[in-house]
Amino acid sequence: MIIGICTCEIFIFNSNSLKSKRSLVKSIIEKSKNRFNISIAEVGDNDKWQKSIIAFSTISNEQKVVEETMDKVINFFDSYSEIEIISIKRELL
């Protein structure tokens, strides 16, 4: 059994309030959860209106499947023009 954990720090363009930030982050989290069947949450920078840290995990019997899922989720995040990924940390357990 392979567990993949990924933490992404993102910068949010044109966010001028916590309300607008939370709306976008919530949308990204819900769409990612439904599309990729992952566990995902905002885990940091909750009180900063232009930054967020989002972490997700996936599990499989094969390392290749875990890595592919993580790549797909990161590419999905990258498809949002409203955000920029600042850093990515990956772990395989």
Foldseek 3Di string as FASTA:
>chain_A
DKKKKKKWKKFFPPFDDLVVQVVVVVVLQVVLCVPLVKDKDFDDPSVDRGMTMMMIMDDDPDPVVRVVSVVVSVVVVVVDPRMDTPDMDMDMD
